Each structure stands twice: as C-alpha cells, then as structure tokens.
Amino acid sequence: MIAQRWRGSGGEIDLVFSDGGIIFVEVKASRTHERAIASLGSSQIQRLLCSGEAFLEERFSTSLIDARFDLALVDQGMRIKILENAISA
C-alpha cells in the first residue's frame, strides 16, 4: 500500500496501491453492494478523478502514469466485492 486516506486539494482517496501502475480504491459501505455502488454520484466521481491526477502529479511530477480506479463495495455482512477499473475519465 502506498497511501491510505490520501487528501489532496480535490478530495480524499481511500486507498492507493501499486502493481506496476497505480491503483486508486474508493471504499463504499452500505447494507448491500447495490446500495453501496448507487451511493457514488457523478460529482464524487469527478472529485476522485481530480484527486487521482493531483496524487500522480505530487508523487511523480506527472499524471502520465498507468492508473486505474477500483471500487471496494462492503455490505452489512462485511462481504467485500471489488470492481476493477470501475471509474474512468
């Protein structure tokens, strides 16, 4: 893990990992996975994209690094469902 709850001018990114590229993870919890994903609005998606770009520019002096945005959905039973590359520009 590179960072946890990283905060930039655009907002917060819950988790940041590296696997040759950068993986930004937004964690959403609700009673069901469906409710968790439904709680992610377009304005929050835009903030995440801006925050990801700011993170790359701060850490690597560029935003031209392979990166993706995953969602980690957590239901009331603490079951986790990962949606890889769930958010794109």
PDB file of N, CA and C in Angstrom:
ATOM      1  N   MET A   1       0.849  -1.177   0.000  1.00  0.00           N
ATOM      2  CA  MET A   1       0.000   0.000   0.000  1.00  0.00           C
ATOM      3  C   MET A   1       0.896   1.242   0.000  1.00  0.00           C
ATOM      4  N   ILE A   2       0.558   2.177  -0.868  1.00  0.00           N
ATOM      5  CA  ILE A   2       1.315   3.425  -0.963  1.00  0.00           C
ATOM      6  C   ILE A   2       0.743   4.476  -0.009  1.00  0.00           C
ATOM      7  N   ALA A   3      -0.587   4.558   0.046  1.00  0.00           N
ATOM      8  CA  ALA A   3      -1.217   5.578   0.881  1.00  0.00           C
ATOM      9  C   ALA A   3      -2.596   5.114   1.319  1.00  0.00           C
ATOM     10  N   GLN A   4      -3.017   5.673   2.437  1.00  0.00           N
ATOM     11  CA  GLN A   4      -4.345   5.413   2.972  1.00  0.00           C
ATOM     12  C   GLN A   4      -4.943   6.761   3.358  1.00  0.00           C
ATOM     13  N   ARG A   5      -6.160   7.008   2.907  1.00  0.00           N
ATOM     14  CA  ARG A   5      -6.862   8.262   3.163  1.00  0.00           C
ATOM     15  C   ARG A   5      -6.020   9.465   2.743  1.00  0.00           C
ATOM     16  N   TRP A   6      -5.467   9.381   1.527  1.00  0.00           N
ATOM     17  CA  TRP A   6      -4.666  10.483   0.993  1.00  0.00           C
ATOM     18  C   TRP A   6      -5.587  11.647   0.674  1.00  0.00           C
ATOM     19  N   ARG A   7      -5.200  12.834   1.118  1.00  0.00           N
ATOM     20  CA  ARG A   7      -6.027  14.026   0.886  1.00  0.00           C
ATOM     21  C   ARG A   7      -5.253  15.030   0.065  1.00  0.00           C
ATOM     22  N   GLY A   8      -5.897  15.453  -1.009  1.00  0.00           N
ATOM     23  CA  GLY A   8      -5.344  16.493  -1.857  1.00  0.00           C
ATOM     24  C   GLY A   8      -6.340  17.636  -1.968  1.00  0.00           C
ATOM     25  N   SER A   9      -6.048  18.586  -2.801  1.00  0.00           N
ATOM     26  CA  SER A   9      -6.915  19.756  -2.932  1.00  0.00           C
ATOM     27  C   SER A   9      -8.308  19.385  -3.452  1.00  0.00           C
ATOM     28  N   GLY A  10      -8.397  18.305  -4.227  1.00  0.00           N
ATOM     29  CA  GLY A  10      -9.687  17.910  -4.782  1.00  0.00           C
ATOM     30  C   GLY A  10     -10.514  17.015  -3.890  1.00  0.00           C
ATOM     31  N   GLY A  11      -9.895  16.385  -2.917  1.00  0.00           N
ATOM     32  CA  GLY A  11     -10.617  15.477  -2.046  1.00  0.00           C
ATOM     33  C   GLY A  11      -9.736  14.347  -1.560  1.00  0.00           C
ATOM     34  N   GLU A  12     -10.377  13.297  -1.088  1.00  0.00           N
ATOM     35  CA  GLU A  12      -9.670  12.183  -0.466  1.00  0.00           C
ATOM     36  C   GLU A  12      -9.763  10.929  -1.327  1.00  0.00           C
ATOM     37  N   ILE A  13      -8.673  10.182  -1.331  1.00  0.00           N
ATOM     38  CA  ILE A  13      -8.664   8.860  -1.958  1.00  0.00           C
ATOM     39  C   ILE A  13      -8.459   7.862  -0.821  1.00  0.00           C
ATOM     40  N   ASP A  14      -9.362   6.877  -0.725  1.00  0.00           N
ATOM     41  CA  ASP A  14      -9.333   5.955   0.411  1.00  0.00           C
ATOM     42  C   ASP A  14      -8.046   5.136   0.471  1.00  0.00           C
ATOM     43  N   LEU A  15      -7.699   4.467  -0.622  1.00  0.00           N
ATOM     44  CA  LEU A  15      -6.517   3.602  -0.642  1.00  0.00           C
ATOM     45  C   LEU A  15      -5.775   3.772  -1.965  1.00  0.00           C
ATOM     46  N   VAL A  16      -4.450   3.679  -1.902  1.00  0.00           N
ATOM     47  CA  VAL A  16      -3.631   3.738  -3.114  1.00  0.00           C
ATOM     48  C   VAL A  16      -2.630   2.592  -3.056  1.00  0.00           C
ATOM     49  N   PHE A  17      -2.608   1.779  -4.113  1.00  0.00           N
ATOM     50  CA  PHE A  17      -1.701   0.640  -4.222  1.00  0.00           C
ATOM     51  C   PHE A  17      -0.861   0.760  -5.483  1.00  0.00           C
ATOM     52  N   SER A  18       0.168  -0.069  -5.580  1.00  0.00           N
ATOM     53  CA  SER A  18       0.981  -0.130  -6.789  1.00  0.00           C
ATOM     54  C   SER A  18       1.154  -1.582  -7.195  1.00  0.00           C
ATOM     55  N   ASP A  19       1.014  -1.830  -8.495  1.00  0.00           N
ATOM     56  CA  ASP A  19       1.289  -3.168  -9.053  1.00  0.00           C
ATOM     57  C   ASP A  19       1.957  -3.011 -10.413  1.00  0.00           C
ATOM     58  N   GLY A  20       2.897  -2.109 -10.496  1.00  0.00           N
ATOM     59  CA  GLY A  20       3.489  -1.727 -11.769  1.00  0.00           C
ATOM     60  C   GLY A  20       2.870  -0.436 -12.257  1.00  0.00           C
ATOM     61  N   GLY A  21       1.619  -0.221 -11.938  1.00  0.00           N
ATOM     62  CA  GLY A  21       0.905   1.036 -12.155  1.00  0.00           C
ATOM     63  C   GLY A  21       0.333   1.451 -10.818  1.00  0.00           C
ATOM     64  N   ILE A  22      -0.538   2.420 -10.827  1.00  0.00           N
ATOM     65  CA  ILE A  22      -1.155   2.892  -9.595  1.00  0.00           C
ATOM     66  C   ILE A  22      -2.622   2.468  -9.586  1.00  0.00           C
ATOM     67  N   ILE A  23      -3.079   1.979  -8.446  1.00  0.00           N
ATOM     68  CA  ILE A  23      -4.478   1.596  -8.267  1.00  0.00           C
ATOM     69  C   ILE A  23      -5.060   2.467  -7.161  1.00  0.00           C
ATOM     70  N   PHE A  24      -6.051   3.283  -7.527  1.00  0.00           N
ATOM     71  CA  PHE A  24      -6.794   4.069  -6.555  1.00  0.00           C
ATOM     72  C   PHE A  24      -8.038   3.267  -6.202  1.00  0.00           C
ATOM     73  N   VAL A  25      -8.352   3.187  -4.916  1.00  0.00           N
ATOM     74  CA  VAL A  25      -9.517   2.411  -4.481  1.00  0.00           C
ATOM     75  C   VAL A  25     -10.443   3.301  -3.665  1.00  0.00           C
ATOM     76  N   GLU A  26     -11.688   3.370  -4.097  1.00  0.00           N
ATOM     77  CA  GLU A  26     -12.738   4.052  -3.346  1.00  0.00           C
ATOM     78  C   GLU A  26     -13.533   2.980  -2.616  1.00  0.00           C
ATOM     79  N   VAL A  27     -13.652   3.103  -1.306  1.00  0.00           N
ATOM     80  CA  VAL A  27     -14.372   2.132  -0.482  1.00  0.00           C
ATOM     81  C   VAL A  27     -15.761   2.693  -0.202  1.00  0.00           C
ATOM     82  N   LYS A  28     -16.785   1.914  -0.524  1.00  0.00           N
ATOM     83  CA  LYS A  28     -18.166   2.307  -0.279  1.00  0.00           C
ATOM     84  C   LYS A  28     -18.842   1.209   0.531  1.00  0.00           C
ATOM     85  N   ALA A  29     -19.444   1.595   1.648  1.00  0.00           N
ATOM     86  CA  ALA A  29     -20.125   0.625   2.508  1.00  0.00           C
ATOM     87  C   ALA A  29     -21.604   0.976   2.612  1.00  0.00           C
ATOM     88  N   SER A  30     -22.436  -0.062   2.584  1.00  0.00           N
ATOM     89  CA  SER A  30     -23.873   0.106   2.737  1.00  0.00           C
ATOM     90  C   SER A  30     -24.475  -1.254   3.075  1.00  0.00           C
ATOM     91  N   ARG A  31     -25.796  -1.311   3.215  1.00  0.00           N
ATOM     92  CA  ARG A  31     -26.437  -2.590   3.554  1.00  0.00           C
ATOM     93  C   ARG A  31     -26.184  -3.651   2.490  1.00  0.00           C
ATOM     94  N   THR A  32     -26.193  -3.230   1.227  1.00  0.00           N
ATOM     95  CA  THR A  32     -25.948  -4.170   0.134  1.00  0.00           C
ATOM     96  C   THR A  32     -24.897  -3.579  -0.806  1.00  0.00           C
ATOM     97  N   HIS A  33     -24.311  -4.431  -1.602  1.00  0.00           N
ATOM     98  CA  HIS A  33     -23.349  -3.947  -2.603  1.00  0.00           C
ATOM     99  C   HIS A  33     -24.029  -3.000  -3.589  1.00  0.00           C
ATOM    100  N   GLU A  34     -25.268  -3.301  -3.936  1.00  0.00           N
ATOM    101  CA  GLU A  34     -26.006  -2.469  -4.887  1.00  0.00           C
ATOM    102  C   GLU A  34     -26.225  -1.068  -4.327  1.00  0.00           C
ATOM    103  N   ARG A  35     -26.568  -0.977  -3.053  1.00  0.00           N
ATOM    104  CA  ARG A  35     -26.751   0.342  -2.426  1.00  0.00           C
ATOM    105  C   ARG A  35     -25.424   1.087  -2.328  1.00  0.00           C
ATOM    106  N   ALA A  36     -24.355   0.350  -2.072  1.00  0.00           N
ATOM    107  CA  ALA A  36     -23.041   0.989  -1.967  1.00  0.00           C
ATOM    108  C   ALA A  36     -22.647   1.636  -3.291  1.00  0.00           C
ATOM    109  N   ILE A  37     -22.825   0.910  -4.380  1.00  0.00           N
ATOM    110  CA  ILE A  37     -22.451   1.479  -5.683  1.00  0.00           C
ATOM    111  C   ILE A  37     -23.390   2.614  -6.078  1.00  0.00           C
ATOM    112  N   ALA A  38     -24.654   2.520  -5.694  1.00  0.00           N
ATOM    113  CA  ALA A  38     -25.613   3.580  -6.023  1.00  0.00           C
ATOM    114  C   ALA A  38     -25.293   4.876  -5.283  1.00  0.00           C
ATOM    115  N   SER A  39     -24.554   4.793  -4.196  1.00  0.00           N
ATOM    116  CA  SER A  39     -24.235   5.995  -3.417  1.00  0.00           C
ATOM    117  C   SER A  39     -23.102   6.810  -4.031  1.00  0.00           C
ATOM    118  N   LEU A  40     -22.497   6.302  -5.089  1.00  0.00           N
ATOM    119  CA  LEU A  40     -21.402   7.005  -5.748  1.00  0.00           C
ATOM    120  C   LEU A  40     -21.973   7.883  -6.854  1.00  0.00           C
ATOM    121  N   GLY A  41     -22.010   9.173  -6.598  1.00  0.00           N
ATOM    122  CA  GLY A  41     -22.591  10.116  -7.550  1.00  0.00           C
ATOM    123  C   GLY A  41     -21.574  10.668  -8.532  1.00  0.00           C
ATOM    124  N   SER A  42     -22.076  11.348  -9.552  1.00  0.00           N
ATOM    125  CA  SER A  42     -21.196  11.882 -10.599  1.00  0.00           C
ATOM    126  C   SER A  42     -20.244  12.949 -10.058  1.00  0.00           C
ATOM    127  N   SER A  43     -20.683  13.755  -9.106  1.00  0.00           N
ATOM    128  CA  SER A  43     -19.776  14.768  -8.552  1.00  0.00           C
ATOM    129  C   SER A  43     -18.651  14.117  -7.748  1.00  0.00           C
ATOM    130  N   GLN A  44     -18.945  13.019  -7.051  1.00  0.00           N
ATOM    131  CA  GLN A  44     -17.896  12.310  -6.311  1.00  0.00           C
ATOM    132  C   GLN A  44     -16.924  11.645  -7.282  1.00  0.00           C
ATOM    133  N   ILE A  45     -17.426  11.108  -8.368  1.00  0.00           N
ATOM    134  CA  ILE A  45     -16.549  10.504  -9.377  1.00  0.00           C
ATOM    135  C   ILE A  45     -15.594  11.560  -9.932  1.00  0.00           C
ATOM    136  N   GLN A  46     -16.115  12.743 -10.228  1.00  0.00           N
ATOM    137  CA  GLN A  46     -15.267  13.820 -10.743  1.00  0.00           C
ATOM    138  C   GLN A  46     -14.203  14.211  -9.729  1.00  0.00           C
ATOM    139  N   ARG A  47     -14.576  14.295  -8.441  1.00  0.00           N
ATOM    140  CA  ARG A  47     -13.602  14.612  -7.387  1.00  0.00           C
ATOM    141  C   ARG A  47     -12.524  13.539  -7.298  1.00  0.00           C
ATOM    142  N   LEU A  48     -12.918  12.274  -7.432  1.00  0.00           N
ATOM    143  CA  LEU A  48     -11.938  11.182  -7.382  1.00  0.00           C
ATOM    144  C   LEU A  48     -10.949  11.279  -8.535  1.00  0.00           C
ATOM    145  N   LEU A  49     -11.452  11.561  -9.720  1.00  0.00           N
ATOM    146  CA  LEU A  49     -10.568  11.686 -10.877  1.00  0.00           C
ATOM    147  C   LEU A  49      -9.588  12.840 -10.694  1.00  0.00           C
ATOM    148  N   CYS A  50     -10.074  13.967 -10.203  1.00  0.00           N
ATOM    149  CA  CYS A  50      -9.195  15.120  -9.956  1.00  0.00           C
ATOM    150  C   CYS A  50      -8.184  14.808  -8.861  1.00  0.00           C
ATOM    151  N   SER A  51      -8.613  14.121  -7.826  1.00  0.00           N
ATOM    152  CA  SER A  51      -7.705  13.758  -6.733  1.00  0.00           C
ATOM    153  C   SER A  51      -6.639  12.789  -7.214  1.00  0.00           C
ATOM    154  N   GLY A  52      -7.020  11.844  -8.054  1.00  0.00           N
ATOM    155  CA  GLY A  52      -6.051  10.900  -8.602  1.00  0.00           C
ATOM    156  C   GLY A  52      -5.000  11.606  -9.426  1.00  0.00           C
ATOM    157  N   GLU A  53      -5.426  12.552 -10.236  1.00  0.00           N
ATOM    158  CA  GLU A  53      -4.483  13.320 -11.042  1.00  0.00           C
ATOM    159  C   GLU A  53      -3.542  14.127 -10.141  1.00  0.00           C
ATOM    160  N   ALA A  54      -4.085  14.727  -9.096  1.00  0.00           N
ATOM    161  CA  ALA A  54      -3.258  15.505  -8.163  1.00  0.00           C
ATOM    162  C   ALA A  54      -2.255  14.602  -7.450  1.00  0.00           C
ATOM    163  N   PHE A  55      -2.675  13.398  -7.069  1.00  0.00           N
ATOM    164  CA  PHE A  55      -1.779  12.458  -6.409  1.00  0.00           C
ATOM    165  C   PHE A  55      -0.602  12.119  -7.320  1.00  0.00           C
ATOM    166  N   LEU A  56      -0.904  11.801  -8.581  1.00  0.00           N
ATOM    167  CA  LEU A  56       0.158  11.441  -9.524  1.00  0.00           C
ATOM    168  C   LEU A  56       1.115  12.602  -9.753  1.00  0.00           C
ATOM    169  N   GLU A  57       0.581  13.792  -9.872  1.00  0.00           N
ATOM    170  CA  GLU A  57       1.445  14.956 -10.097  1.00  0.00           C
ATOM    171  C   GLU A  57       2.304  15.254  -8.868  1.00  0.00           C
ATOM    172  N   GLU A  58       1.741  15.043  -7.671  1.00  0.00           N
ATOM    173  CA  GLU A  58       2.507  15.289  -6.440  1.00  0.00           C
ATOM    174  C   GLU A  58       3.605  14.249  -6.250  1.00  0.00           C
ATOM    175  N   ARG A  59       3.275  13.000  -6.473  1.00  0.00           N
ATOM    176  CA  ARG A  59       4.225  11.919  -6.202  1.00  0.00           C
ATOM    177  C   ARG A  59       5.203  11.663  -7.339  1.00  0.00           C
ATOM    178  N   PHE A  60       4.760  11.897  -8.575  1.00  0.00           N
ATOM    179  CA  PHE A  60       5.562  11.518  -9.734  1.00  0.00           C
ATOM    180  C   PHE A  60       5.831  12.684 -10.686  1.00  0.00           C
ATOM    181  N   SER A  61       5.387  13.860 -10.344  1.00  0.00           N
ATOM    182  CA  SER A  61       5.548  15.068 -11.160  1.00  0.00           C
ATOM    183  C   SER A  61       4.904  14.943 -12.543  1.00  0.00           C
ATOM    184  N   THR A  62       3.985  14.034 -12.680  1.00  0.00           N
ATOM    185  CA  THR A  62       3.268  13.865 -13.941  1.00  0.00           C
ATOM    186  C   THR A  62       1.971  13.109 -13.677  1.00  0.00           C
ATOM    187  N   SER A  63       1.014  13.261 -14.555  1.00  0.00           N
ATOM    188  CA  SER A  63      -0.210  12.458 -14.469  1.00  0.00           C
ATOM    189  C   SER A  63      -0.206  11.372 -15.544  1.00  0.00           C
ATOM    190  N   LEU A  64       0.935  11.221 -16.245  1.00  0.00           N
ATOM    191  CA  LEU A  64       1.026  10.245 -17.338  1.00  0.00           C
ATOM    192  C   LEU A  64       1.589   8.912 -16.857  1.00  0.00           C
ATOM    193  N   ILE A  65       0.964   8.355 -15.853  1.00  0.00           N
ATOM    194  CA  ILE A  65       1.364   7.063 -15.285  1.00  0.00           C
ATOM    195  C   ILE A  65       0.151   6.150 -15.413  1.00  0.00           C
ATOM    196  N   ASP A  66       0.376   4.881 -15.698  1.00  0.00           N
ATOM    197  CA  ASP A  66      -0.747   3.946 -15.752  1.00  0.00           C
ATOM    198  C   ASP A  66      -1.444   3.912 -14.403  1.00  0.00           C
ATOM    199  N   ALA A  67      -2.731   4.205 -14.416  1.00  0.00           N
ATOM    200  CA  ALA A  67      -3.510   4.222 -13.184  1.00  0.00           C
ATOM    201  C   ALA A  67      -4.920   3.750 -13.477  1.00  0.00           C
ATOM    202  N   ARG A  68      -5.538   3.190 -12.460  1.00  0.00           N
ATOM    203  CA  ARG A  68      -6.936   2.802 -12.589  1.00  0.00           C
ATOM    204  C   ARG A  68      -7.649   3.085 -11.270  1.00  0.00           C
ATOM    205  N   PHE A  69      -8.957   3.166 -11.343  1.00  0.00           N
ATOM    206  CA  PHE A  69      -9.792   3.386 -10.172  1.00  0.00           C
ATOM    207  C   PHE A  69     -10.669   2.159  -9.958  1.00  0.00           C
ATOM    208  N   ASP A  70     -10.507   1.532  -8.806  1.00  0.00           N
ATOM    209  CA  ASP A  70     -11.326   0.388  -8.421  1.00  0.00           C
ATOM    210  C   ASP A  70     -12.319   0.812  -7.344  1.00  0.00           C
ATOM    211  N   LEU A  71     -13.405   0.062  -7.227  1.00  0.00           N
ATOM    212  CA  LEU A  71     -14.353   0.245  -6.133  1.00  0.00           C
ATOM    213  C   LEU A  71     -14.306  -0.983  -5.247  1.00  0.00           C
ATOM    214  N   ALA A  72     -14.270  -0.765  -3.946  1.00  0.00           N
ATOM    215  CA  ALA A  72     -14.391  -1.841  -2.963  1.00  0.00           C
ATOM    216  C   ALA A  72     -15.744  -1.640  -2.290  1.00  0.00           C
ATOM    217  N   LEU A  73     -16.676  -2.522  -2.578  1.00  0.00           N
ATOM    218  CA  LEU A  73     -18.026  -2.430  -2.025  1.00  0.00           C
ATOM    219  C   LEU A  73     -18.119  -3.345  -0.811  1.00  0.00           C
ATOM    220  N   VAL A  74     -18.612  -2.810   0.294  1.00  0.00           N
ATOM    221  CA  VAL A  74     -18.711  -3.574   1.538  1.00  0.00           C
ATOM    222  C   VAL A  74     -20.168  -3.581   1.976  1.00  0.00           C
ATOM    223  N   ASP A  75     -20.739  -4.786   2.179  1.00  0.00           N
ATOM    224  CA  ASP A  75     -22.134  -4.860   2.615  1.00  0.00           C
ATOM    225  C   ASP A  75     -22.203  -5.026   4.130  1.00  0.00           C
ATOM    226  N   GLN A  76     -23.418  -5.101   4.651  1.00  0.00           N
ATOM    227  CA  GLN A  76     -23.584  -5.163   6.106  1.00  0.00           C
ATOM    228  C   GLN A  76     -23.023  -6.441   6.717  1.00  0.00           C
ATOM    229  N   GLY A  77     -22.827  -7.473   5.928  1.00  0.00           N
ATOM    230  CA  GLY A  77     -22.207  -8.704   6.413  1.00  0.00           C
ATOM    231  C   GLY A  77     -20.691  -8.664   6.307  1.00  0.00           C
ATOM    232  N   MET A  78     -20.148  -7.483   5.967  1.00  0.00           N
ATOM    233  CA  MET A  78     -18.709  -7.261   5.811  1.00  0.00           C
ATOM    234  C   MET A  78     -18.128  -8.049   4.637  1.00  0.00           C
ATOM    235  N   ARG A  79     -18.996  -8.439   3.684  1.00  0.00           N
ATOM    236  CA  ARG A  79     -18.517  -9.065   2.460  1.00  0.00           C
ATOM    237  C   ARG A  79     -18.030  -7.966   1.532  1.00  0.00           C
ATOM    238  N   ILE A  80     -16.891  -8.205   0.896  1.00  0.00           N
ATOM    239  CA  ILE A  80     -16.279  -7.198   0.040  1.00  0.00           C
ATOM    240  C   ILE A  80     -16.344  -7.665  -1.406  1.00  0.00           C
ATOM    241  N   LYS A  81     -16.747  -6.773  -2.265  1.00  0.00           N
ATOM    242  CA  LYS A  81     -16.777  -7.038  -3.703  1.00  0.00           C
ATOM    243  C   LYS A  81     -15.915  -5.957  -4.360  1.00  0.00           C
ATOM    244  N   ILE A  82     -14.926  -6.372  -5.121  1.00  0.00           N
ATOM    245  CA  ILE A  82     -14.015  -5.438  -5.796  1.00  0.00           C
ATOM    246  C   ILE A  82     -14.432  -5.322  -7.258  1.00  0.00           C
ATOM    247  N   LEU A  83     -14.615  -4.099  -7.710  1.00  0.00           N
ATOM    248  CA  LEU A  83     -14.887  -3.815  -9.120  1.00  0.00           C
ATOM    249  C   LEU A  83     -13.656  -3.128  -9.680  1.00  0.00           C
ATOM    250  N   GLU A  84     -12.878  -3.859 -10.460  1.00  0.00           N
ATOM    251  CA  GLU A  84     -11.647  -3.304 -11.019  1.00  0.00           C
ATOM    252  C   GLU A  84     -11.969  -2.364 -12.172  1.00  0.00           C
ATOM    253  N   ASN A  85     -11.192  -1.282 -12.241  1.00  0.00           N
ATOM    254  CA  ASN A  85     -11.322  -0.301 -13.314  1.00  0.00           C
ATOM    255  C   ASN A  85     -12.766   0.197 -13.455  1.00  0.00           C
ATOM    256  N   ALA A  86     -13.393   0.456 -12.320  1.00  0.00           N
ATOM    257  CA  ALA A  86     -14.810   0.803 -12.295  1.00  0.00           C
ATOM    258  C   ALA A  86     -15.090   2.259 -12.638  1.00  0.00           C
ATOM    259  N   ILE A  87     -14.099   3.110 -12.493  1.00  0.00           N
ATOM    260  CA  ILE A  87     -14.267   4.536 -12.760  1.00  0.00           C
ATOM    261  C   ILE A  87     -13.267   4.943 -13.832  1.00  0.00           C
ATOM    262  N   SER A  88     -13.777   5.634 -14.842  1.00  0.00           N
ATOM    263  CA  SER A  88     -12.855   6.093 -15.889  1.00  0.00           C
ATOM    264  C   SER A  88     -13.222   7.518 -16.286  1.00  0.00           C
ATOM    265  N   ALA A  89     -12.236   8.192 -16.846  1.00  0.00           N
ATOM    266  CA  ALA A  89     -12.432   9.592 -17.257  1.00  0.00           C
ATOM    267  C   ALA A  89     -13.246   9.673 -18.520  1.00  0.00           C
TER     268      ALA A  89
END
